[in-house]
Amino acid sequence: AMIGIPWYNVIGNHDINLDAPNDKLS
C-alpha cells in the first residue's frame, strides 16, 4: 500500500488453504 496506487492480486499456489478438501474451498 505504500506504493500508493490501486493494487490488484492474482492467486498463486502458495496463497491457498492447503488443508482444503477441494479446489472450491481452497
mmCIF file of all heavy atoms, coordinates in Angstrom:
data_MODEL
# 
_entry.id   MODEL 
# 
loop_
_atom_site.group_PDB 
_atom_site.id 
_atom_site.type_symbol 
_atom_site.label_atom_id 
_atom_site.label_alt_id 
_atom_site.label_comp_id 
_atom_site.label_asym_id 
_atom_site.label_entity_id 
_atom_site.label_seq_id 
_atom_site.pdbx_PDB_ins_code 
_atom_site.Cartn_x 
_atom_site.Cartn_y 
_atom_site.Cartn_z 
_atom_site.occupancy 
_atom_site.B_iso_or_equiv 
_atom_site.pdbx_formal_charge 
_atom_site.auth_seq_id 
_atom_site.auth_comp_id 
_atom_site.auth_asym_id 
_atom_site.auth_atom_id 
_atom_site.pdbx_PDB_model_num 
ATOM 1   N N   . ALA A 1 1  ? 0.822   -1.215  0.000   1.00 0.00 ? 1  ALA A N   1 
ATOM 2   C CA  . ALA A 1 1  ? 0.000   0.000   0.000   1.00 0.00 ? 1  ALA A CA  1 
ATOM 3   C C   . ALA A 1 1  ? 0.854   1.263   0.000   1.00 0.00 ? 1  ALA A C   1 
ATOM 4   O O   . ALA A 1 1  ? 0.387   2.325   -0.443  1.00 0.00 ? 1  ALA A O   1 
ATOM 5   C CB  . ALA A 1 1  ? -0.933  -0.005  1.214   1.00 0.00 ? 1  ALA A CB  1 
ATOM 6   N N   . MET A 1 2  ? 2.091   1.184   0.472   1.00 0.00 ? 2  MET A N   1 
ATOM 7   C CA  . MET A 1 2  ? 2.943   2.365   0.497   1.00 0.00 ? 2  MET A CA  1 
ATOM 8   C C   . MET A 1 2  ? 3.276   2.873   -0.904  1.00 0.00 ? 2  MET A C   1 
ATOM 9   O O   . MET A 1 2  ? 3.676   4.026   -1.067  1.00 0.00 ? 2  MET A O   1 
ATOM 10  C CB  . MET A 1 2  ? 4.216   2.068   1.276   1.00 0.00 ? 2  MET A CB  1 
ATOM 11  C CG  . MET A 1 2  ? 3.976   1.841   2.747   1.00 0.00 ? 2  MET A CG  1 
ATOM 12  S SD  . MET A 1 2  ? 5.508   1.785   3.710   1.00 0.00 ? 2  MET A SD  1 
ATOM 13  C CE  . MET A 1 2  ? 6.281   0.321   3.043   1.00 0.00 ? 2  MET A CE  1 
ATOM 14  N N   . ILE A 1 3  ? 3.132   2.026   -1.908  1.00 0.00 ? 3  ILE A N   1 
ATOM 15  C CA  . ILE A 1 3  ? 3.375   2.470   -3.281  1.00 0.00 ? 3  ILE A CA  1 
ATOM 16  C C   . ILE A 1 3  ? 2.363   3.541   -3.660  1.00 0.00 ? 3  ILE A C   1 
ATOM 17  O O   . ILE A 1 3  ? 2.663   4.436   -4.444  1.00 0.00 ? 3  ILE A O   1 
ATOM 18  C CB  . ILE A 1 3  ? 3.330   1.274   -4.243  1.00 0.00 ? 3  ILE A CB  1 
ATOM 19  C CG1 . ILE A 1 3  ? 4.469   0.293   -3.898  1.00 0.00 ? 3  ILE A CG1 1 
ATOM 20  C CG2 . ILE A 1 3  ? 3.429   1.716   -5.699  1.00 0.00 ? 3  ILE A CG2 1 
ATOM 21  C CD1 . ILE A 1 3  ? 4.428   -1.007  -4.682  1.00 0.00 ? 3  ILE A CD1 1 
ATOM 22  N N   . GLY A 1 4  ? 1.144   3.422   -3.117  1.00 0.00 ? 4  GLY A N   1 
ATOM 23  C CA  . GLY A 1 4  ? 0.178   4.499   -3.252  1.00 0.00 ? 4  GLY A CA  1 
ATOM 24  C C   . GLY A 1 4  ? -0.723  4.433   -4.457  1.00 0.00 ? 4  GLY A C   1 
ATOM 25  O O   . GLY A 1 4  ? -1.379  5.419   -4.802  1.00 0.00 ? 4  GLY A O   1 
ATOM 26  N N   . ILE A 1 5  ? -0.795  3.288   -5.135  1.00 0.00 ? 5  ILE A N   1 
ATOM 27  C CA  . ILE A 1 5  ? -1.681  3.135   -6.296  1.00 0.00 ? 5  ILE A CA  1 
ATOM 28  C C   . ILE A 1 5  ? -2.568  1.913   -6.089  1.00 0.00 ? 5  ILE A C   1 
ATOM 29  O O   . ILE A 1 5  ? -2.227  1.008   -5.316  1.00 0.00 ? 5  ILE A O   1 
ATOM 30  C CB  . ILE A 1 5  ? -0.875  2.993   -7.609  1.00 0.00 ? 5  ILE A CB  1 
ATOM 31  C CG1 . ILE A 1 5  ? 0.085   1.795   -7.541  1.00 0.00 ? 5  ILE A CG1 1 
ATOM 32  C CG2 . ILE A 1 5  ? -0.104  4.289   -7.913  1.00 0.00 ? 5  ILE A CG2 1 
ATOM 33  C CD1 . ILE A 1 5  ? 0.862   1.554   -8.829  1.00 0.00 ? 5  ILE A CD1 1 
ATOM 34  N N   . PRO A 1 6  ? -3.739  1.847   -6.757  1.00 0.00 ? 6  PRO A N   1 
ATOM 35  C CA  . PRO A 1 6  ? -4.581  0.650   -6.632  1.00 0.00 ? 6  PRO A CA  1 
ATOM 36  C C   . PRO A 1 6  ? -3.794  -0.608  -7.001  1.00 0.00 ? 6  PRO A C   1 
ATOM 37  O O   . PRO A 1 6  ? -3.001  -0.591  -7.956  1.00 0.00 ? 6  PRO A O   1 
ATOM 38  C CB  . PRO A 1 6  ? -5.713  0.918   -7.631  1.00 0.00 ? 6  PRO A CB  1 
ATOM 39  C CG  . PRO A 1 6  ? -5.771  2.406   -7.756  1.00 0.00 ? 6  PRO A CG  1 
ATOM 40  C CD  . PRO A 1 6  ? -4.349  2.869   -7.623  1.00 0.00 ? 6  PRO A CD  1 
ATOM 41  N N   . TRP A 1 7  ? -4.036  -1.680  -6.238  1.00 0.00 ? 7  TRP A N   1 
ATOM 42  C CA  . TRP A 1 7  ? -3.245  -2.895  -6.443  1.00 0.00 ? 7  TRP A CA  1 
ATOM 43  C C   . TRP A 1 7  ? -4.165  -4.118  -6.539  1.00 0.00 ? 7  TRP A C   1 
ATOM 44  O O   . TRP A 1 7  ? -4.905  -4.434  -5.615  1.00 0.00 ? 7  TRP A O   1 
ATOM 45  C CB  . TRP A 1 7  ? -2.259  -3.090  -5.297  1.00 0.00 ? 7  TRP A CB  1 
ATOM 46  C CG  . TRP A 1 7  ? -1.085  -3.915  -5.740  1.00 0.00 ? 7  TRP A CG  1 
ATOM 47  C CD1 . TRP A 1 7  ? -0.971  -5.273  -5.694  1.00 0.00 ? 7  TRP A CD1 1 
ATOM 48  C CD2 . TRP A 1 7  ? 0.117   -3.420  -6.329  1.00 0.00 ? 7  TRP A CD2 1 
ATOM 49  N NE1 . TRP A 1 7  ? 0.237   -5.660  -6.222  1.00 0.00 ? 7  TRP A NE1 1 
ATOM 50  C CE2 . TRP A 1 7  ? 0.925   -4.548  -6.625  1.00 0.00 ? 7  TRP A CE2 1 
ATOM 51  C CE3 . TRP A 1 7  ? 0.586   -2.152  -6.645  1.00 0.00 ? 7  TRP A CE3 1 
ATOM 52  C CZ2 . TRP A 1 7  ? 2.195   -4.419  -7.207  1.00 0.00 ? 7  TRP A CZ2 1 
ATOM 53  C CZ3 . TRP A 1 7  ? 1.844   -2.029  -7.221  1.00 0.00 ? 7  TRP A CZ3 1 
ATOM 54  C CH2 . TRP A 1 7  ? 2.629   -3.160  -7.500  1.00 0.00 ? 7  TRP A CH2 1 
ATOM 55  N N   . TYR A 1 8  ? -4.101  -4.775  -7.691  1.00 0.00 ? 8  TYR A N   1 
ATOM 56  C CA  . TYR A 1 8  ? -4.869  -5.996  -7.927  1.00 0.00 ? 8  TYR A CA  1 
ATOM 57  C C   . TYR A 1 8  ? -3.999  -7.221  -7.635  1.00 0.00 ? 8  TYR A C   1 
ATOM 58  O O   . TYR A 1 8  ? -2.766  -7.154  -7.695  1.00 0.00 ? 8  TYR A O   1 
ATOM 59  C CB  . TYR A 1 8  ? -5.356  -6.048  -9.371  1.00 0.00 ? 8  TYR A CB  1 
ATOM 60  C CG  . TYR A 1 8  ? -6.360  -4.972  -9.714  1.00 0.00 ? 8  TYR A CG  1 
ATOM 61  C CD1 . TYR A 1 8  ? -5.942  -3.746  -10.250 1.00 0.00 ? 8  TYR A CD1 1 
ATOM 62  C CD2 . TYR A 1 8  ? -7.724  -5.163  -9.515  1.00 0.00 ? 8  TYR A CD2 1 
ATOM 63  C CE1 . TYR A 1 8  ? -6.862  -2.745  -10.565 1.00 0.00 ? 8  TYR A CE1 1 
ATOM 64  C CE2 . TYR A 1 8  ? -8.647  -4.178  -9.834  1.00 0.00 ? 8  TYR A CE2 1 
ATOM 65  C CZ  . TYR A 1 8  ? -8.208  -2.965  -10.356 1.00 0.00 ? 8  TYR A CZ  1 
ATOM 66  O OH  . TYR A 1 8  ? -9.109  -1.987  -10.661 1.00 0.00 ? 8  TYR A OH  1 
ATOM 67  N N   . ASN A 1 9  ? -4.641  -8.339  -7.343  1.00 0.00 ? 9  ASN A N   1 
ATOM 68  C CA  . ASN A 1 9  ? -3.910  -9.546  -6.957  1.00 0.00 ? 9  ASN A CA  1 
ATOM 69  C C   . ASN A 1 9  ? -4.464  -10.781 -7.663  1.00 0.00 ? 9  ASN A C   1 
ATOM 70  O O   . ASN A 1 9  ? -5.676  -10.940 -7.803  1.00 0.00 ? 9  ASN A O   1 
ATOM 71  C CB  . ASN A 1 9  ? -3.978  -9.750  -5.443  1.00 0.00 ? 9  ASN A CB  1 
ATOM 72  C CG  . ASN A 1 9  ? -3.143  -8.726  -4.699  1.00 0.00 ? 9  ASN A CG  1 
ATOM 73  O OD1 . ASN A 1 9  ? -1.960  -8.922  -4.479  1.00 0.00 ? 9  ASN A OD1 1 
ATOM 74  N ND2 . ASN A 1 9  ? -3.761  -7.607  -4.322  1.00 0.00 ? 9  ASN A ND2 1 
ATOM 75  N N   . VAL A 1 10 ? -3.529  -11.636 -8.082  1.00 0.00 ? 10 VAL A N   1 
ATOM 76  C CA  . VAL A 1 10 ? -3.829  -12.926 -8.696  1.00 0.00 ? 10 VAL A CA  1 
ATOM 77  C C   . VAL A 1 10 ? -3.459  -14.002 -7.683  1.00 0.00 ? 10 VAL A C   1 
ATOM 78  O O   . VAL A 1 10 ? -2.451  -13.875 -6.974  1.00 0.00 ? 10 VAL A O   1 
ATOM 79  C CB  . VAL A 1 10 ? -3.031  -13.093 -10.001 1.00 0.00 ? 10 VAL A CB  1 
ATOM 80  C CG1 . VAL A 1 10 ? -3.192  -14.498 -10.575 1.00 0.00 ? 10 VAL A CG1 1 
ATOM 81  C CG2 . VAL A 1 10 ? -3.449  -12.037 -11.022 1.00 0.00 ? 10 VAL A CG2 1 
ATOM 82  N N   . ILE A 1 11 ? -4.227  -15.049 -7.613  1.00 0.00 ? 11 ILE A N   1 
ATOM 83  C CA  . ILE A 1 11 ? -3.942  -16.108 -6.643  1.00 0.00 ? 11 ILE A CA  1 
ATOM 84  C C   . ILE A 1 11 ? -2.861  -17.047 -7.177  1.00 0.00 ? 11 ILE A C   1 
ATOM 85  O O   . ILE A 1 11 ? -2.800  -17.349 -8.368  1.00 0.00 ? 11 ILE A O   1 
ATOM 86  C CB  . ILE A 1 11 ? -5.237  -16.897 -6.303  1.00 0.00 ? 11 ILE A CB  1 
ATOM 87  C CG1 . ILE A 1 11 ? -5.027  -17.753 -5.054  1.00 0.00 ? 11 ILE A CG1 1 
ATOM 88  C CG2 . ILE A 1 11 ? -5.715  -17.717 -7.492  1.00 0.00 ? 11 ILE A CG2 1 
ATOM 89  C CD1 . ILE A 1 11 ? -6.321  -18.324 -4.490  1.00 0.00 ? 11 ILE A CD1 1 
ATOM 90  N N   . GLY A 1 12 ? -1.974  -17.487 -6.260  1.00 0.00 ? 12 GLY A N   1 
ATOM 91  C CA  . GLY A 1 12 ? -0.920  -18.441 -6.597  1.00 0.00 ? 12 GLY A CA  1 
ATOM 92  C C   . GLY A 1 12 ? -1.029  -19.701 -5.774  1.00 0.00 ? 12 GLY A C   1 
ATOM 93  O O   . GLY A 1 12 ? -1.829  -19.777 -4.829  1.00 0.00 ? 12 GLY A O   1 
ATOM 94  N N   . ASN A 1 13 ? -0.205  -20.682 -6.073  1.00 0.00 ? 13 ASN A N   1 
ATOM 95  C CA  . ASN A 1 13 ? -0.299  -21.963 -5.370  1.00 0.00 ? 13 ASN A CA  1 
ATOM 96  C C   . ASN A 1 13 ? 0.151   -21.873 -3.915  1.00 0.00 ? 13 ASN A C   1 
ATOM 97  O O   . ASN A 1 13 ? -0.157  -22.761 -3.109  1.00 0.00 ? 13 ASN A O   1 
ATOM 98  C CB  . ASN A 1 13 ? 0.524   -23.031 -6.093  1.00 0.00 ? 13 ASN A CB  1 
ATOM 99  C CG  . ASN A 1 13 ? 1.966   -22.644 -6.307  1.00 0.00 ? 13 ASN A CG  1 
ATOM 100 O OD1 . ASN A 1 13 ? 2.254   -21.778 -7.135  1.00 0.00 ? 13 ASN A OD1 1 
ATOM 101 N ND2 . ASN A 1 13 ? 2.879   -23.261 -5.584  1.00 0.00 ? 13 ASN A ND2 1 
ATOM 102 N N   . HIS A 1 14 ? 0.864   -20.805 -3.536  1.00 0.00 ? 14 HIS A N   1 
ATOM 103 C CA  . HIS A 1 14 ? 1.246   -20.613 -2.133  1.00 0.00 ? 14 HIS A CA  1 
ATOM 104 C C   . HIS A 1 14 ? 0.296   -19.675 -1.401  1.00 0.00 ? 14 HIS A C   1 
ATOM 105 O O   . HIS A 1 14 ? 0.574   -19.267 -0.265  1.00 0.00 ? 14 HIS A O   1 
ATOM 106 C CB  . HIS A 1 14 ? 2.677   -20.099 -2.035  1.00 0.00 ? 14 HIS A CB  1 
ATOM 107 C CG  . HIS A 1 14 ? 3.713   -21.135 -2.363  1.00 0.00 ? 14 HIS A CG  1 
ATOM 108 N ND1 . HIS A 1 14 ? 4.017   -22.181 -1.525  1.00 0.00 ? 14 HIS A ND1 1 
ATOM 109 C CD2 . HIS A 1 14 ? 4.497   -21.298 -3.460  1.00 0.00 ? 14 HIS A CD2 1 
ATOM 110 C CE1 . HIS A 1 14 ? 4.956   -22.940 -2.074  1.00 0.00 ? 14 HIS A CE1 1 
ATOM 111 N NE2 . HIS A 1 14 ? 5.258   -22.421 -3.259  1.00 0.00 ? 14 HIS A NE2 1 
ATOM 112 N N   . ASP A 1 15 ? -0.814  -19.312 -2.052  1.00 0.00 ? 15 ASP A N   1 
ATOM 113 C CA  . ASP A 1 15 ? -1.805  -18.406 -1.464  1.00 0.00 ? 15 ASP A CA  1 
ATOM 114 C C   . ASP A 1 15 ? -3.100  -19.122 -1.105  1.00 0.00 ? 15 ASP A C   1 
ATOM 115 O O   . ASP A 1 15 ? -4.102  -18.470 -0.804  1.00 0.00 ? 15 ASP A O   1 
ATOM 116 C CB  . ASP A 1 15 ? -2.133  -17.275 -2.453  1.00 0.00 ? 15 ASP A CB  1 
ATOM 117 C CG  . ASP A 1 15 ? -0.908  -16.497 -2.870  1.00 0.00 ? 15 ASP A CG  1 
ATOM 118 O OD1 . ASP A 1 15 ? -0.021  -16.298 -2.027  1.00 0.00 ? 15 ASP A OD1 1 
ATOM 119 O OD2 . ASP A 1 15 ? -0.838  -16.097 -4.060  1.00 0.00 ? 15 ASP A OD2 1 
ATOM 120 N N   . ILE A 1 16 ? -3.105  -20.434 -1.132  1.00 0.00 ? 16 ILE A N   1 
ATOM 121 C CA  . ILE A 1 16 ? -4.343  -21.187 -0.943  1.00 0.00 ? 16 ILE A CA  1 
ATOM 122 C C   . ILE A 1 16 ? -4.352  -21.879 0.416   1.00 0.00 ? 16 ILE A C   1 
ATOM 123 O O   . ILE A 1 16 ? -3.321  -22.021 1.079   1.00 0.00 ? 16 ILE A O   1 
ATOM 124 C CB  . ILE A 1 16 ? -4.546  -22.222 -2.068  1.00 0.00 ? 16 ILE A CB  1 
ATOM 125 C CG1 . ILE A 1 16 ? -3.411  -23.251 -2.077  1.00 0.00 ? 16 ILE A CG1 1 
ATOM 126 C CG2 . ILE A 1 16 ? -4.634  -21.528 -3.421  1.00 0.00 ? 16 ILE A CG2 1 
ATOM 127 C CD1 . ILE A 1 16 ? -3.598  -24.357 -3.119  1.00 0.00 ? 16 ILE A CD1 1 
ATOM 128 N N   . ASN A 1 17 ? -5.546  -22.321 0.814   1.00 0.00 ? 17 ASN A N   1 
ATOM 129 C CA  . ASN A 1 17 ? -5.706  -23.097 2.048   1.00 0.00 ? 17 ASN A CA  1 
ATOM 130 C C   . ASN A 1 17 ? -5.333  -24.541 1.757   1.00 0.00 ? 17 ASN A C   1 
ATOM 131 O O   . ASN A 1 17 ? -6.106  -25.295 1.143   1.00 0.00 ? 17 ASN A O   1 
ATOM 132 C CB  . ASN A 1 17 ? -7.139  -23.006 2.550   1.00 0.00 ? 17 ASN A CB  1 
ATOM 133 C CG  . ASN A 1 17 ? -7.531  -21.586 2.908   1.00 0.00 ? 17 ASN A CG  1 
ATOM 134 O OD1 . ASN A 1 17 ? -8.057  -20.837 2.088   1.00 0.00 ? 17 ASN A OD1 1 
ATOM 135 N ND2 . ASN A 1 17 ? -7.263  -21.198 4.144   1.00 0.00 ? 17 ASN A ND2 1 
ATOM 136 N N   . LEU A 1 18 ? -4.154  -24.941 2.196   1.00 0.00 ? 18 LEU A N   1 
ATOM 137 C CA  . LEU A 1 18 ? -3.645  -26.273 1.868   1.00 0.00 ? 18 LEU A CA  1 
ATOM 138 C C   . LEU A 1 18 ? -4.379  -27.386 2.602   1.00 0.00 ? 18 LEU A C   1 
ATOM 139 O O   . LEU A 1 18 ? -4.205  -28.560 2.266   1.00 0.00 ? 18 LEU A O   1 
ATOM 140 C CB  . LEU A 1 18 ? -2.148  -26.344 2.179   1.00 0.00 ? 18 LEU A CB  1 
ATOM 141 C CG  . LEU A 1 18 ? -1.271  -25.374 1.368   1.00 0.00 ? 18 LEU A CG  1 
ATOM 142 C CD1 . LEU A 1 18 ? 0.176   -25.438 1.846   1.00 0.00 ? 18 LEU A CD1 1 
ATOM 143 C CD2 . LEU A 1 18 ? -1.340  -25.695 -0.124  1.00 0.00 ? 18 LEU A CD2 1 
ATOM 144 N N   . ASP A 1 19 ? -5.196  -27.030 3.606   1.00 0.00 ? 19 ASP A N   1 
ATOM 145 C CA  . ASP A 1 19 ? -5.985  -28.042 4.298   1.00 0.00 ? 19 ASP A CA  1 
ATOM 146 C C   . ASP A 1 19 ? -7.394  -28.159 3.719   1.00 0.00 ? 19 ASP A C   1 
ATOM 147 O O   . ASP A 1 19 ? -8.239  -28.876 4.268   1.00 0.00 ? 19 ASP A O   1 
ATOM 148 C CB  . ASP A 1 19 ? -6.052  -27.750 5.798   1.00 0.00 ? 19 ASP A CB  1 
ATOM 149 C CG  . ASP A 1 19 ? -6.520  -26.328 6.109   1.00 0.00 ? 19 ASP A CG  1 
ATOM 150 O OD1 . ASP A 1 19 ? -6.631  -25.519 5.165   1.00 0.00 ? 19 ASP A OD1 1 
ATOM 151 O OD2 . ASP A 1 19 ? -6.749  -26.026 7.300   1.00 0.00 ? 19 ASP A OD2 1 
ATOM 152 N N   . ALA A 1 20 ? -7.653  -27.468 2.609   1.00 0.00 ? 20 ALA A N   1 
ATOM 153 C CA  . ALA A 1 20 ? -8.983  -27.519 1.987   1.00 0.00 ? 20 ALA A CA  1 
ATOM 154 C C   . ALA A 1 20 ? -9.200  -28.878 1.327   1.00 0.00 ? 20 ALA A C   1 
ATOM 155 O O   . ALA A 1 20 ? -8.280  -29.457 0.737   1.00 0.00 ? 20 ALA A O   1 
ATOM 156 C CB  . ALA A 1 20 ? -9.122  -26.409 0.946   1.00 0.00 ? 20 ALA A CB  1 
ATOM 157 N N   . PRO A 1 21 ? -10.429 -29.402 1.386   1.00 0.00 ? 21 PRO A N   1 
ATOM 158 C CA  . PRO A 1 21 ? -10.702 -30.714 0.783   1.00 0.00 ? 21 PRO A CA  1 
ATOM 159 C C   . PRO A 1 21 ? -10.829 -30.664 -0.737  1.00 0.00 ? 21 PRO A C   1 
ATOM 160 O O   . PRO A 1 21 ? -10.774 -31.706 -1.386  1.00 0.00 ? 21 PRO A O   1 
ATOM 161 C CB  . PRO A 1 21 ? -12.022 -31.129 1.436   1.00 0.00 ? 21 PRO A CB  1 
ATOM 162 C CG  . PRO A 1 21 ? -12.702 -29.830 1.760   1.00 0.00 ? 21 PRO A CG  1 
ATOM 163 C CD  . PRO A 1 21 ? -11.601 -28.884 2.113   1.00 0.00 ? 21 PRO A CD  1 
ATOM 164 N N   . ASN A 1 22 ? -11.027 -29.459 -1.300  1.00 0.00 ? 22 ASN A N   1 
ATOM 165 C CA  . ASN A 1 22 ? -11.222 -29.361 -2.745  1.00 0.00 ? 22 ASN A CA  1 
ATOM 166 C C   . ASN A 1 22 ? -10.847 -27.965 -3.221  1.00 0.00 ? 22 ASN A C   1 
ATOM 167 O O   . ASN A 1 22 ? -10.547 -27.072 -2.423  1.00 0.00 ? 22 ASN A O   1 
ATOM 168 C CB  . ASN A 1 22 ? -12.670 -29.700 -3.116  1.00 0.00 ? 22 ASN A CB  1 
ATOM 169 C CG  . ASN A 1 22 ? -13.670 -28.860 -2.338  1.00 0.00 ? 22 ASN A CG  1 
ATOM 170 O OD1 . ASN A 1 22 ? -13.575 -27.637 -2.277  1.00 0.00 ? 22 ASN A OD1 1 
ATOM 171 N ND2 . ASN A 1 22 ? -14.649 -29.519 -1.711  1.00 0.00 ? 22 ASN A ND2 1 
ATOM 172 N N   . ASP A 1 23 ? -10.887 -27.781 -4.524  1.00 0.00 ? 23 ASP A N   1 
ATOM 173 C CA  . ASP A 1 23 ? -10.484 -26.504 -5.111  1.00 0.00 ? 23 ASP A CA  1 
ATOM 174 C C   . ASP A 1 23 ? -11.435 -25.380 -4.718  1.00 0.00 ? 23 ASP A C   1 
ATOM 175 O O   . ASP A 1 23 ? -10.999 -24.245 -4.468  1.00 0.00 ? 23 ASP A O   1 
ATOM 176 C CB  . ASP A 1 23 ? -10.433 -26.652 -6.635  1.00 0.00 ? 23 ASP A CB  1 
ATOM 177 C CG  . ASP A 1 23 ? -9.883  -25.412 -7.313  1.00 0.00 ? 23 ASP A CG  1 
ATOM 178 O OD1 . ASP A 1 23 ? -8.748  -25.027 -7.001  1.00 0.00 ? 23 ASP A OD1 1 
ATOM 179 O OD2 . ASP A 1 23 ? -10.585 -24.832 -8.160  1.00 0.00 ? 23 ASP A OD2 1 
ATOM 180 N N   . LYS A 1 24 ? -12.726 -25.660 -4.637  1.00 0.00 ? 24 LYS A N   1 
ATOM 181 C CA  . LYS A 1 24 ? -13.723 -24.646 -4.327  1.00 0.00 ? 24 LYS A CA  1 
ATOM 182 C C   . LYS A 1 24 ? -13.439 -23.949 -3.010  1.00 0.00 ? 24 LYS A C   1 
ATOM 183 O O   . LYS A 1 24 ? -13.618 -22.731 -2.875  1.00 0.00 ? 24 LYS A O   1 
ATOM 184 C CB  . LYS A 1 24 ? -15.115 -25.282 -4.312  1.00 0.00 ? 24 LYS A CB  1 
ATOM 185 C CG  . LYS A 1 24 ? -16.247 -24.356 -3.889  1.00 0.00 ? 24 LYS A CG  1 
ATOM 186 C CD  . LYS A 1 24 ? -16.531 -23.286 -4.914  1.00 0.00 ? 24 LYS A CD  1 
ATOM 187 C CE  . LYS A 1 24 ? -17.744 -22.454 -4.541  1.00 0.00 ? 24 LYS A CE  1 
ATOM 188 N NZ  . LYS A 1 24 ? -17.972 -21.323 -5.493  1.00 0.00 ? 24 LYS A NZ  1 
ATOM 189 N N   . LEU A 1 25 ? -12.972 -24.710 -2.017  1.00 0.00 ? 25 LEU A N   1 
ATOM 190 C CA  . LEU A 1 25 ? -12.757 -24.167 -0.682  1.00 0.00 ? 25 LEU A CA  1 
ATOM 191 C C   . LEU A 1 25 ? -11.305 -23.764 -0.430  1.00 0.00 ? 25 LEU A C   1 
ATOM 192 O O   . LEU A 1 25 ? -10.967 -23.360 0.686   1.00 0.00 ? 25 LEU A O   1 
ATOM 193 C CB  . LEU A 1 25 ? -13.199 -25.187 0.370   1.00 0.00 ? 25 LEU A CB  1 
ATOM 194 C CG  . LEU A 1 25 ? -14.697 -25.531 0.372   1.00 0.00 ? 25 LEU A CG  1 
ATOM 195 C CD1 . LEU A 1 25 ? -14.992 -26.622 1.385   1.00 0.00 ? 25 LEU A CD1 1 
ATOM 196 C CD2 . LEU A 1 25 ? -15.534 -24.277 0.657   1.00 0.00 ? 25 LEU A CD2 1 
ATOM 197 N N   . SER A 1 26 ? -10.461 -23.850 -1.439  1.00 0.00 ? 26 SER A N   1 
ATOM 198 C CA  . SER A 1 26 ? -9.046  -23.551 -1.237  1.00 0.00 ? 26 SER A CA  1 
ATOM 199 C C   . SER A 1 26 ? -8.743  -22.058 -1.289  1.00 0.00 ? 26 SER A C   1 
ATOM 200 O O   . SER A 1 26 ? -7.626  -21.638 -0.975  1.00 0.00 ? 26 SER A O   1 
ATOM 201 C CB  . SER A 1 26 ? -8.192  -24.277 -2.286  1.00 0.00 ? 26 SER A CB  1 
ATOM 202 O OG  . SER A 1 26 ? -8.449  -23.764 -3.592  1.00 0.00 ? 26 SER A OG  1 
# 
